[in-house]
Amino acid sequence: MMYLTTYHYSLLSLLREYLQSEKSELTVARKEIKFGREGWQNLYNLSSKHGVASMVFEMLNISERASQLELEFIPENNSKVNSDNINNDTLLVKYGLIDIETNIPPADLLTKWKIDTQNSEDIYKKDVDIIKELLAFFRINDIDALIINGVGFGQMFVHPSHRHYGDVDIFLGSEYTRGNKLLGKLGMNIEVVNQNYSTFKFRGVTVRNHKCFYFHQFRHRIFTKQDKRVDKQLMKFLESGYDTVSVDDIEVKTPNPEFMLLYLTRHLVLHFLEYGIYLRHLCDINLLIERNRDSIDFAKMEKIFKKCHILKLFTSFISICKTHLGLNLDLNLKEDKDLTQRILNDMFFNKYRLIDKGKFKKMRALGRYFFRISYLFSSKWKYDHIQRGLFLRMLPYKLLF
């Protein structure tokens, strides 16, 4: 068992303050954080890996002064160098020419952080443009498309562009087949994975069309009774109505909060099994609950989670949110504290997730296969906490694919 370091706690503290500012829409004063170059680099690496770099950068409250160049050097007769006799705005400190603890990152790392944040904003704007164009196309053809997660959900954030965005998910329901044909006629290269799920590239972004909610984006897995139960329940939630949000002056249909709580939890469970979870996932659930606590029947959701065999994991996810991200939620749920600690440990210290991507790509096919199988067996405990015997049922399929 490994333990969280100062960098982990600093990251969690900054995220907690960020989410607090999102909830209150007020400026939250952060506790001063001071690191040397290595410390700032570790904090940056952690935030980037977990998809929360833009959120953390926002909470650093970097002033314009931090980017200005001030040529102030240490006098030649000053042989001792410490934080007492060096101004934090000097050239030496800003550019990491000397390694002391400062309350802002070195200039080169700060610049990289700014660029990453700008890239995040550009990705958001691109996704918004794609959504607007696709929704307009579907409306012209009398298809009532529903945006799942993505920029629609991002409107819960005061700064939607700070959130991490991936592929665009669109629910077409009974119009799934017709929607694919129309997109094909438009010139899109549609990859029909199966009768319920297809993908295509649009302006460099992967768009996924869904007929149901079997989470086909997690490929190479066996679909279980839990998938059917979750899909059936999500469909019921849709029957009770939709929400609409304004995205760049257009109205976008999105699922209701109870749908999103089940959807995000199921998505998080599958991510937990296949790849592990990231802080960005927990931030989403945290803010969803804080924004919509009066619209969610938690007693009903508890029964649904239990029926779908995900209540135990949901309880641990919520516990992490309450302890480390400041979630204010009082539910009488029986928590497995050992499981919660193990999930937290897996999130930060899983050795299979810490491998360098470049090194992994350089592996031969056989090496990557054995690496993946080793990761699978190391994750057996995750499957066991969902349903007894699930791992053994999944194993033959995983070994083949």
Protein backbone atom coordinates (compact mmCIF):
# COMPACT_ATOMS: atom_id res chain seq x y z
CA MET A 1 0.00 0.00 0.00
CA MET A 2 1.41 3.37 -1.04
CA TYR A 3 0.43 6.64 0.57
CA LEU A 4 -0.50 10.00 -0.89
CA THR A 5 2.29 12.56 -1.06
CA THR A 6 2.26 16.32 -0.63
CA TYR A 7 1.73 16.64 -4.39
CA HIS A 8 -1.38 14.46 -4.29
CA TYR A 9 -2.86 16.37 -1.38
CA SER A 10 -2.06 19.70 -3.03
CA LEU A 11 -3.77 18.58 -6.23
CA LEU A 12 -6.85 17.38 -4.33
CA SER A 13 -6.94 20.61 -2.33
CA LEU A 14 -6.83 22.75 -5.47
CA LEU A 15 -9.58 20.69 -7.08
CA ARG A 16 -11.71 20.93 -3.96
CA GLU A 17 -11.35 24.71 -4.02
CA TYR A 18 -12.08 24.78 -7.76
CA LEU A 19 -15.30 22.80 -7.31
CA GLN A 20 -16.26 25.05 -4.41
CA SER A 21 -15.83 28.09 -6.65
CA GLU A 22 -17.91 26.36 -9.34
CA LYS A 23 -20.72 25.71 -6.87
CA SER A 24 -20.80 29.20 -5.39
CA GLU A 25 -19.66 31.06 -8.52
CA LEU A 26 -17.55 33.17 -6.17
CA THR A 27 -13.81 33.63 -6.05
CA VAL A 28 -12.30 31.23 -3.53
CA ALA A 29 -9.03 32.16 -1.91
CA ARG A 30 -6.64 29.25 -2.11
CA LYS A 31 -4.10 28.18 0.42
CA GLU A 32 -0.59 29.13 -0.60
CA ILE A 33 1.32 26.30 -2.21
CA LYS A 34 5.09 26.43 -2.45
CA PHE A 35 7.20 23.92 -4.34
CA GLY A 36 10.60 23.67 -5.91
CA ARG A 37 10.95 22.83 -9.61
CA GLU A 38 10.49 19.09 -9.03
CA GLY A 39 7.39 19.69 -6.92
CA TRP A 40 5.74 21.91 -9.52
CA GLN A 41 6.62 19.40 -12.23
CA ASN A 42 5.03 16.59 -10.20
CA LEU A 43 1.88 18.65 -9.65
CA TYR A 44 1.68 19.47 -13.35
CA ASN A 45 2.20 15.84 -14.37
CA LEU A 46 -0.49 14.62 -11.96
CA SER A 47 -3.04 17.21 -13.06
CA SER A 48 -2.38 16.49 -16.74
CA LYS A 49 -2.65 12.73 -16.29
CA HIS A 50 -6.00 13.10 -14.54
CA GLY A 51 -7.44 15.56 -17.07
CA VAL A 52 -7.73 18.46 -14.62
CA ALA A 53 -4.76 20.64 -15.61
CA SER A 54 -6.95 23.58 -16.67
CA MET A 55 -8.91 23.48 -13.41
CA VAL A 56 -5.72 23.46 -11.36
CA PHE A 57 -4.18 26.25 -13.43
CA GLU A 58 -7.25 28.40 -12.80
CA MET A 59 -6.84 27.97 -9.04
CA LEU A 60 -3.16 28.93 -9.07
CA ASN A 61 -4.31 32.54 -9.58
CA ILE A 62 -1.21 33.40 -11.60
CA SER A 63 -0.93 37.17 -11.95
CA GLU A 64 0.37 38.98 -14.99
CA ARG A 65 3.39 39.92 -12.91
CA ALA A 66 4.44 36.28 -12.91
CA SER A 67 5.04 36.38 -16.65
CA GLN A 68 7.05 39.59 -16.64
CA LEU A 69 10.82 39.46 -16.82
CA GLU A 70 12.74 41.18 -14.05
CA LEU A 71 16.52 41.15 -14.26
CA GLU A 72 17.39 40.89 -10.61
CA PHE A 73 20.41 38.76 -9.77
CA ILE A 74 22.06 37.78 -6.52
CA PRO A 75 24.92 40.06 -5.50
CA GLU A 76 28.32 38.45 -6.09
CA ASN A 77 29.26 38.68 -2.43
CA ASN A 78 26.11 36.82 -1.35
CA SER A 79 27.26 33.23 -1.10
CA LYS A 80 24.14 31.89 0.58
CA VAL A 81 21.07 31.32 -1.51
CA ASN A 82 17.72 30.81 0.15
CA SER A 83 14.15 31.98 -0.04
CA ASP A 84 14.86 34.85 2.34
CA ASN A 85 17.36 36.68 0.16
CA ILE A 86 15.85 35.97 -3.26
CA ASN A 87 12.84 37.77 -4.67
CA ASN A 88 10.37 35.33 -6.23
CA ASP A 89 10.12 37.61 -9.27
CA THR A 90 13.80 37.42 -10.18
CA LEU A 91 15.05 35.94 -13.42
CA LEU A 92 16.89 33.20 -11.53
CA VAL A 93 13.75 31.91 -9.86
CA LYS A 94 11.36 32.38 -12.76
CA TYR A 95 13.44 30.36 -15.17
CA GLY A 96 14.45 27.69 -12.71
CA LEU A 97 18.12 28.68 -12.77
CA ILE A 98 18.09 28.12 -9.06
CA ASP A 99 15.92 25.59 -7.28
CA ILE A 100 14.11 27.02 -4.29
CA GLU A 101 10.48 26.79 -3.22
CA THR A 102 8.24 29.38 -4.88
CA ASN A 103 4.49 30.01 -4.95
CA ILE A 104 4.38 29.98 -8.77
CA PRO A 105 5.77 27.40 -11.22
CA PRO A 106 9.02 28.11 -13.14
CA ALA A 107 8.39 30.18 -16.27
CA ASP A 108 8.93 27.34 -18.75
CA LEU A 109 6.48 25.07 -16.93
CA LEU A 110 4.06 27.95 -16.44
CA THR A 111 4.12 28.62 -20.18
CA LYS A 112 3.45 24.95 -20.95
CA TRP A 113 0.55 24.98 -18.46
CA LYS A 114 -0.90 28.05 -20.16
CA ILE A 115 -0.61 26.40 -23.56
CA ASP A 116 -2.36 23.27 -22.28
CA THR A 117 -5.17 25.40 -20.87
CA GLN A 118 -5.53 27.25 -24.17
CA ASN A 119 -5.60 23.91 -26.01
CA SER A 120 -8.37 22.76 -23.69
CA GLU A 121 -10.36 25.90 -24.52
CA ASP A 122 -9.78 25.32 -28.25
CA ILE A 123 -10.99 21.71 -27.97
CA TYR A 124 -14.14 22.90 -26.23
CA LYS A 125 -14.83 25.51 -28.93
CA LYS A 126 -14.28 22.91 -31.65
CA ASP A 127 -16.66 20.47 -29.96
CA VAL A 128 -19.29 23.21 -29.66
CA ASP A 129 -19.01 23.99 -33.39
CA ILE A 130 -19.31 20.29 -34.22
CA ILE A 131 -22.37 19.87 -32.01
CA LYS A 132 -24.06 22.92 -33.53
CA GLU A 133 -23.48 21.68 -37.07
CA LEU A 134 -24.57 18.10 -36.40
CA LEU A 135 -27.68 19.12 -34.48
CA ALA A 136 -28.67 21.48 -37.29
CA PHE A 137 -28.24 18.62 -39.78
CA PHE A 138 -30.34 16.22 -37.69
CA ARG A 139 -33.07 18.81 -37.14
CA ILE A 140 -33.37 19.48 -40.86
CA ASN A 141 -33.94 15.73 -41.29
CA ASP A 142 -36.45 15.53 -38.41
CA ILE A 143 -34.17 13.54 -36.12
CA ASP A 144 -34.40 14.42 -32.45
CA ALA A 145 -30.79 13.87 -31.32
CA LEU A 146 -29.74 13.85 -27.68
CA ILE A 147 -26.25 14.94 -26.61
CA ILE A 148 -24.90 12.64 -23.91
CA ASN A 149 -22.25 13.99 -21.58
CA GLY A 150 -19.74 16.20 -23.44
CA VAL A 151 -20.32 19.92 -23.93
CA GLY A 152 -23.94 19.62 -22.82
CA PHE A 153 -22.90 18.32 -19.42
CA GLY A 154 -20.04 20.82 -19.39
CA GLN A 155 -22.54 23.67 -19.03
CA MET A 156 -22.78 22.74 -15.34
CA PHE A 157 -19.33 24.28 -14.98
CA VAL A 158 -18.96 28.05 -14.69
CA HIS A 159 -16.03 27.61 -17.08
CA PRO A 160 -17.07 24.74 -19.39
CA SER A 161 -13.79 24.91 -21.31
CA HIS A 162 -11.84 23.84 -18.20
CA ARG A 163 -13.43 20.41 -18.30
CA HIS A 164 -11.79 17.51 -20.12
CA TYR A 165 -13.51 16.53 -23.39
CA GLY A 166 -13.09 13.41 -25.48
CA ASP A 167 -15.31 11.93 -28.17
CA VAL A 168 -18.76 13.32 -28.94
CA ASP A 169 -21.63 10.97 -27.97
CA ILE A 170 -25.04 11.31 -29.63
CA PHE A 171 -28.12 9.23 -28.84
CA LEU A 172 -30.31 8.69 -31.91
CA GLY A 173 -32.57 5.97 -30.52
CA SER A 174 -35.03 4.60 -33.09
CA GLU A 175 -33.55 6.93 -35.73
CA TYR A 176 -30.11 5.32 -35.41
CA THR A 177 -30.16 3.48 -38.76
CA ARG A 178 -31.63 6.39 -40.71
CA GLY A 179 -29.19 8.78 -39.07
CA ASN A 180 -26.24 6.65 -40.18
CA LYS A 181 -27.54 6.51 -43.76
CA LEU A 182 -28.05 10.27 -43.91
CA LEU A 183 -24.56 10.92 -42.57
CA GLY A 184 -23.19 8.47 -45.13
CA LYS A 185 -24.89 10.38 -47.94
CA LEU A 186 -23.31 13.52 -46.55
CA GLY A 187 -19.91 11.95 -47.21
CA MET A 188 -19.10 10.69 -43.71
CA ASN A 189 -17.20 7.41 -43.49
CA ILE A 190 -19.44 5.62 -40.99
CA GLU A 191 -17.99 2.63 -39.16
CA VAL A 192 -21.00 0.59 -38.11
CA VAL A 193 -19.65 -1.45 -35.21
CA ASN A 194 -22.97 -3.21 -34.63
CA GLN A 195 -26.70 -2.60 -34.85
CA ASN A 196 -26.57 -0.30 -31.82
CA TYR A 197 -23.32 1.65 -32.19
CA SER A 198 -21.38 3.45 -34.92
CA THR A 199 -18.56 5.97 -35.15
CA PHE A 200 -17.23 8.48 -37.66
CA LYS A 201 -14.68 11.27 -37.83
CA PHE A 202 -15.87 14.84 -38.20
CA ARG A 203 -13.25 17.58 -38.40
CA GLY A 204 -10.76 15.32 -36.66
CA VAL A 205 -13.08 14.48 -33.75
CA THR A 206 -14.58 11.03 -33.20
CA VAL A 207 -18.37 11.12 -33.03
CA ARG A 208 -20.22 8.10 -31.62
CA ASN A 209 -23.84 7.36 -32.50
CA HIS A 210 -25.86 5.28 -30.05
CA LYS A 211 -29.12 3.41 -30.42
CA CYS A 212 -29.08 2.22 -26.82
CA PHE A 213 -26.92 2.51 -23.71
CA TYR A 214 -24.78 -0.62 -23.73
CA PHE A 215 -21.59 1.46 -23.54
CA HIS A 216 -20.19 -0.05 -26.71
CA GLN A 217 -17.32 2.45 -26.57
CA PHE A 218 -15.71 0.00 -24.14
CA ARG A 219 -14.88 -2.61 -26.73
CA HIS A 220 -13.77 -6.23 -26.42
CA ARG A 221 -15.90 -7.16 -23.46
CA ILE A 222 -18.82 -9.48 -22.78
CA PHE A 223 -22.16 -7.81 -22.26
CA THR A 224 -23.86 -8.93 -19.07
CA LYS A 225 -27.24 -8.71 -17.37
CA GLN A 226 -26.01 -5.52 -15.71
CA ASP A 227 -25.69 -3.88 -19.13
CA LYS A 228 -29.29 -4.79 -19.94
CA ARG A 229 -30.53 -3.53 -16.58
CA VAL A 230 -28.67 -0.24 -16.89
CA ASP A 231 -29.86 0.28 -20.47
CA LYS A 232 -33.47 -0.45 -19.49
CA GLN A 233 -33.31 1.99 -16.58
CA LEU A 234 -31.66 4.73 -18.63
CA MET A 235 -34.41 4.39 -21.23
CA LYS A 236 -36.99 4.79 -18.45
CA PHE A 237 -35.30 7.97 -17.30
CA LEU A 238 -35.49 9.36 -20.84
CA GLU A 239 -39.22 8.67 -20.92
CA SER A 240 -39.63 11.02 -17.96
CA GLY A 241 -38.30 13.94 -19.98
CA TYR A 242 -35.18 15.81 -21.01
CA ASP A 243 -33.36 18.92 -19.92
CA THR A 244 -32.20 21.68 -22.23
CA VAL A 245 -29.11 23.81 -21.88
CA SER A 246 -27.90 26.79 -23.85
CA VAL A 247 -24.62 26.17 -25.67
CA ASP A 248 -23.31 29.14 -27.60
CA ASP A 249 -26.83 30.55 -28.09
CA ILE A 250 -28.44 27.30 -29.24
CA GLU A 251 -30.69 25.00 -27.22
CA VAL A 252 -29.24 21.53 -26.70
CA LYS A 253 -31.24 18.60 -25.36
CA THR A 254 -29.51 16.73 -22.55
CA PRO A 255 -30.59 13.88 -20.24
CA ASN A 256 -32.08 14.63 -16.82
CA PRO A 257 -29.92 14.51 -13.63
CA GLU A 258 -31.00 11.02 -12.52
CA PHE A 259 -30.13 9.65 -15.96
CA MET A 260 -26.75 11.36 -15.77
CA LEU A 261 -25.99 10.03 -12.29
CA LEU A 262 -26.59 6.44 -13.41
CA TYR A 263 -24.86 7.01 -16.75
CA LEU A 264 -21.75 8.59 -15.20
CA THR A 265 -21.56 5.93 -12.49
CA ARG A 266 -21.84 3.05 -14.98
CA HIS A 267 -19.28 4.75 -17.23
CA LEU A 268 -16.98 5.21 -14.24
CA VAL A 269 -17.34 1.54 -13.24
CA LEU A 270 -16.41 0.38 -16.75
CA HIS A 271 -13.50 2.82 -16.85
CA PHE A 272 -12.44 1.49 -13.46
CA LEU A 273 -12.37 -2.06 -14.84
CA GLU A 274 -10.73 -1.35 -18.18
CA TYR A 275 -8.38 1.58 -17.61
CA GLY A 276 -8.78 2.84 -14.06
CA ILE A 277 -10.49 6.05 -12.96
CA TYR A 278 -9.26 9.61 -13.12
CA LEU A 279 -10.00 12.66 -11.03
CA ARG A 280 -11.88 14.25 -13.92
CA HIS A 281 -14.53 11.51 -13.58
CA LEU A 282 -15.01 12.19 -9.88
CA CYS A 283 -15.19 15.96 -10.50
CA ASP A 284 -18.09 15.35 -12.90
CA ILE A 285 -20.06 13.27 -10.40
CA ASN A 286 -19.27 15.73 -7.63
CA LEU A 287 -20.57 18.73 -9.53
CA LEU A 288 -23.59 16.84 -10.93
CA ILE A 289 -24.76 16.04 -7.40
CA GLU A 290 -24.04 19.51 -6.02
CA ARG A 291 -25.92 21.21 -8.86
CA ASN A 292 -28.91 18.84 -8.87
CA ARG A 293 -29.31 17.45 -5.36
CA ASP A 294 -32.96 18.60 -5.23
CA SER A 295 -33.76 16.86 -8.53
CA ILE A 296 -32.30 13.47 -7.61
CA ASP A 297 -34.19 10.88 -5.58
CA PHE A 298 -31.20 9.28 -3.85
CA ALA A 299 -33.29 6.58 -2.16
CA LYS A 300 -34.54 5.47 -5.58
CA MET A 301 -31.05 5.68 -7.07
CA GLU A 302 -29.68 3.52 -4.25
CA LYS A 303 -32.12 0.75 -5.16
CA ILE A 304 -31.21 1.04 -8.84
CA PHE A 305 -27.48 0.89 -8.11
CA LYS A 306 -27.98 -2.15 -5.92
CA LYS A 307 -29.99 -3.92 -8.61
CA CYS A 308 -27.26 -3.15 -11.15
CA HIS A 309 -24.49 -4.42 -8.82
CA ILE A 310 -22.72 -1.06 -8.66
CA LEU A 311 -23.86 0.27 -5.27
CA LYS A 312 -20.69 -0.84 -3.49
CA LEU A 313 -18.43 0.97 -5.94
CA PHE A 314 -20.71 4.01 -6.06
CA THR A 315 -20.47 4.28 -2.27
CA SER A 316 -16.67 4.29 -2.44
CA PHE A 317 -16.65 6.85 -5.26
CA ILE A 318 -18.90 9.13 -3.21
CA SER A 319 -16.71 8.65 -0.13
CA ILE A 320 -13.64 9.79 -2.09
CA CYS A 321 -15.57 12.82 -3.35
CA LYS A 322 -16.67 13.73 0.17
CA THR A 323 -13.26 13.24 1.76
CA HIS A 324 -11.02 14.75 -0.89
CA LEU A 325 -13.19 16.91 -3.17
CA GLY A 326 -15.53 18.52 -0.65
CA LEU A 327 -18.80 16.90 -1.75
CA ASN A 328 -21.58 17.77 0.68
CA LEU A 329 -23.86 14.73 0.65
CA ASP A 330 -25.30 12.84 3.59
CA LEU A 331 -26.36 9.34 2.53
CA ASN A 332 -26.76 6.39 4.85
CA LEU A 333 -24.69 4.00 2.75
CA LYS A 334 -22.59 1.15 4.10
CA GLU A 335 -19.04 1.82 2.97
CA ASP A 336 -16.27 -0.73 2.54
CA LYS A 337 -13.39 1.46 3.71
CA ASP A 338 -10.76 -1.02 2.57
CA LEU A 339 -12.25 -0.94 -0.93
CA THR A 340 -12.32 2.86 -0.91
CA GLN A 341 -8.65 3.01 0.05
CA ARG A 342 -7.76 0.44 -2.59
CA ILE A 343 -9.58 2.43 -5.28
CA LEU A 344 -7.76 5.60 -4.23
CA ASN A 345 -4.45 3.74 -4.29
CA ASP A 346 -5.21 2.27 -7.72
CA MET A 347 -6.12 5.71 -9.06
CA PHE A 348 -2.70 7.15 -8.25
CA PHE A 349 -0.25 4.24 -8.02
CA ASN A 350 -1.30 1.44 -10.38
CA LYS A 351 2.06 0.44 -11.89
CA TYR A 352 0.47 -0.61 -15.17
CA ARG A 353 -0.99 2.87 -15.65
CA LEU A 354 2.26 4.61 -14.75
CA ILE A 355 4.19 3.14 -17.68
CA ASP A 356 5.47 5.66 -20.19
CA LYS A 357 3.26 5.71 -23.31
CA GLY A 358 6.28 6.02 -25.56
CA LYS A 359 7.81 2.92 -24.03
CA PHE A 360 4.54 1.03 -24.43
CA LYS A 361 4.27 1.93 -28.12
CA LYS A 362 7.80 0.68 -28.72
CA MET A 363 6.91 -2.75 -27.33
CA ARG A 364 6.42 -5.55 -29.81
CA ALA A 365 2.92 -6.93 -30.27
CA LEU A 366 3.63 -9.93 -28.04
CA GLY A 367 5.05 -7.69 -25.34
CA ARG A 368 1.98 -5.45 -25.40
CA TYR A 369 -0.26 -8.52 -25.24
CA PHE A 370 1.47 -9.91 -22.14
CA PHE A 371 1.47 -6.46 -20.56
CA ARG A 372 -2.28 -6.21 -21.12
CA ILE A 373 -2.87 -9.70 -19.72
CA SER A 374 -0.76 -8.89 -16.65
CA TYR A 375 -2.86 -5.78 -16.11
CA LEU A 376 -6.02 -7.85 -16.50
CA PHE A 377 -5.02 -10.35 -13.81
CA SER A 378 -3.91 -7.56 -11.49
CA SER A 379 -7.45 -6.15 -11.84
CA LYS A 380 -9.28 -9.33 -10.81
CA TRP A 381 -10.23 -7.77 -7.47
CA LYS A 382 -12.17 -5.07 -9.32
CA TYR A 383 -14.41 -7.59 -11.06
CA ASP A 384 -14.88 -9.52 -7.82
CA HIS A 385 -16.30 -6.43 -6.12
CA ILE A 386 -18.97 -6.12 -8.80
CA GLN A 387 -20.17 -9.70 -9.03
CA ARG A 388 -18.80 -13.02 -7.96
CA GLY A 389 -17.57 -15.08 -10.92
CA LEU A 390 -17.62 -12.14 -13.34
CA PHE A 391 -13.86 -12.23 -13.88
CA LEU A 392 -13.86 -15.92 -14.88
CA ARG A 393 -16.69 -15.32 -17.34
CA MET A 394 -14.82 -12.41 -18.89
CA LEU A 395 -11.39 -14.08 -18.93
CA PRO A 396 -11.65 -16.27 -22.09
CA TYR A 397 -12.92 -13.35 -24.15
CA LYS A 398 -10.22 -11.03 -22.80
CA LEU A 399 -7.48 -13.56 -23.56
CA LEU A 400 -8.64 -13.83 -27.16
CA PHE A 401 -9.20 -10.14 -27.84
